Amino acid sequence: MTMNSINVRIPKSDMPFFRKLSRKMGWVYSDNTFDATDCDAYREAMEDVEAGRVYHAESVEDMFTQILG
């Protein structure tokens, strides 16, 4: 039998039902808590890239020159 892996985000209150369903169906699951702040930080970083607020430094000295002036 071919197995597939999926990620499903469900409310914490539904976890007991999901566990019971998984056992009855013979599924294997892992209970990983999702932290929405990770996505927020990524989204913010992508907005910085799109807005041109990301800079490149040739070396550490160049970086400090850009930061400190």
C-alpha atoms as a PDB file:
ATOM      1  CA  MET A   1       0.000   0.000   0.000  1.00  0.00           C
ATOM      2  CA  THR A   2       1.291   3.460  -0.906  1.00  0.00           C
ATOM      3  CA  MET A   3       1.243   5.951   1.963  1.00  0.00           C
ATOM      4  CA  ASN A   4       0.874   9.732   1.654  1.00  0.00           C
ATOM      5  CA  SER A   5       1.727  12.410   4.191  1.00  0.00           C
ATOM      6  CA  ILE A   6      -0.375  15.518   4.704  1.00  0.00           C
ATOM      7  CA  ASN A   7      -0.432  18.440   7.119  1.00  0.00           C
ATOM      8  CA  VAL A   8      -3.780  19.386   8.598  1.00  0.00           C
ATOM      9  CA  ARG A   9      -4.365  22.333  10.914  1.00  0.00           C
ATOM     10  CA  ILE A  10      -7.335  21.815  13.175  1.00  0.00           C
ATOM     11  CA  PRO A  11      -8.488  23.521  16.368  1.00  0.00           C
ATOM     12  CA  LYS A  12      -7.067  22.090  19.566  1.00  0.00           C
ATOM     13  CA  SER A  13     -10.589  21.312  20.745  1.00  0.00           C
ATOM     14  CA  ASP A  14     -11.035  18.883  17.811  1.00  0.00           C
ATOM     15  CA  MET A  15      -7.872  16.878  18.563  1.00  0.00           C
ATOM     16  CA  PRO A  16      -9.600  14.195  20.682  1.00  0.00           C
ATOM     17  CA  PHE A  17     -12.003  13.482  17.816  1.00  0.00           C
ATOM     18  CA  PHE A  18      -9.137  13.429  15.298  1.00  0.00           C
ATOM     19  CA  ARG A  19      -7.135  11.008  17.456  1.00  0.00           C
ATOM     20  CA  LYS A  20     -10.135   8.691  17.744  1.00  0.00           C
ATOM     21  CA  LEU A  21     -10.790   8.871  13.991  1.00  0.00           C
ATOM     22  CA  SER A  22      -7.110   8.189  13.256  1.00  0.00           C
ATOM     23  CA  ARG A  23      -7.077   5.087  15.475  1.00  0.00           C
ATOM     24  CA  LYS A  24     -10.265   3.712  13.893  1.00  0.00           C
ATOM     25  CA  MET A  25      -8.945   4.298  10.358  1.00  0.00           C
ATOM     26  CA  GLY A  26      -5.510   2.850  11.156  1.00  0.00           C
ATOM     27  CA  TRP A  27      -3.788   6.135  10.389  1.00  0.00           C
ATOM     28  CA  VAL A  28      -0.562   7.352  11.977  1.00  0.00           C
ATOM     29  CA  TYR A  29      -0.422  10.967  13.108  1.00  0.00           C
ATOM     30  CA  SER A  30       2.021  13.239  14.894  1.00  0.00           C
ATOM     31  CA  ASP A  31       0.758  16.017  17.110  1.00  0.00           C
ATOM     32  CA  ASN A  32       2.885  19.050  16.146  1.00  0.00           C
ATOM     33  CA  THR A  33       1.805  22.374  17.564  1.00  0.00           C
ATOM     34  CA  PHE A  34       1.759  25.099  14.907  1.00  0.00           C
ATOM     35  CA  ASP A  35       2.975  28.559  15.858  1.00  0.00           C
ATOM     36  CA  ALA A  36       1.327  31.210  13.677  1.00  0.00           C
ATOM     37  CA  THR A  37       4.054  33.742  14.547  1.00  0.00           C
ATOM     38  CA  ASP A  38       6.448  31.747  12.343  1.00  0.00           C
ATOM     39  CA  CYS A  39       4.281  32.524   9.318  1.00  0.00           C
ATOM     40  CA  ASP A  40       3.924  36.155  10.363  1.00  0.00           C
ATOM     41  CA  ALA A  41       7.703  36.586  10.518  1.00  0.00           C
ATOM     42  CA  TYR A  42       8.121  34.959   7.096  1.00  0.00           C
ATOM     43  CA  ARG A  43       5.375  37.136   5.622  1.00  0.00           C
ATOM     44  CA  GLU A  44       7.012  40.250   7.075  1.00  0.00           C
ATOM     45  CA  ALA A  45      10.375  39.237   5.620  1.00  0.00           C
ATOM     46  CA  MET A  46       8.841  38.742   2.178  1.00  0.00           C
ATOM     47  CA  GLU A  47       7.196  42.166   2.411  1.00  0.00           C
ATOM     48  CA  ASP A  48      10.633  43.659   3.204  1.00  0.00           C
ATOM     49  CA  VAL A  49      12.101  41.991   0.100  1.00  0.00           C
ATOM     50  CA  GLU A  50       9.258  43.246  -2.109  1.00  0.00           C
ATOM     51  CA  ALA A  51       9.559  46.782  -0.714  1.00  0.00           C
ATOM     52  CA  GLY A  52      13.328  46.858  -1.278  1.00  0.00           C
ATOM     53  CA  ARG A  53      14.267  47.016   2.405  1.00  0.00           C
ATOM     54  CA  VAL A  54      16.888  44.256   2.065  1.00  0.00           C
ATOM     55  CA  TYR A  55      20.518  45.214   1.526  1.00  0.00           C
ATOM     56  CA  HIS A  56      23.623  43.315   0.465  1.00  0.00           C
ATOM     57  CA  ALA A  57      27.060  43.698   2.012  1.00  0.00           C
ATOM     58  CA  GLU A  58      30.280  42.537   0.366  1.00  0.00           C
ATOM     59  CA  SER A  59      31.971  41.876   3.706  1.00  0.00           C
ATOM     60  CA  VAL A  60      31.538  42.332   7.439  1.00  0.00           C
ATOM     61  CA  GLU A  61      33.324  45.666   7.243  1.00  0.00           C
ATOM     62  CA  ASP A  62      30.979  46.787   4.463  1.00  0.00           C
ATOM     63  CA  MET A  63      27.980  45.707   6.569  1.00  0.00           C
ATOM     64  CA  PHE A  64      29.152  47.749   9.566  1.00  0.00           C
ATOM     65  CA  THR A  65      29.805  50.735   7.299  1.00  0.00           C
ATOM     66  CA  GLN A  66      26.217  50.499   5.998  1.00  0.00           C
ATOM     67  CA  ILE A  67      24.782  50.136   9.505  1.00  0.00           C
ATOM     68  CA  LEU A  68      26.881  52.695  11.363  1.00  0.00           C
ATOM     69  CA  GLY A  69      27.476  55.101   8.526  1.00  0.00           C
END
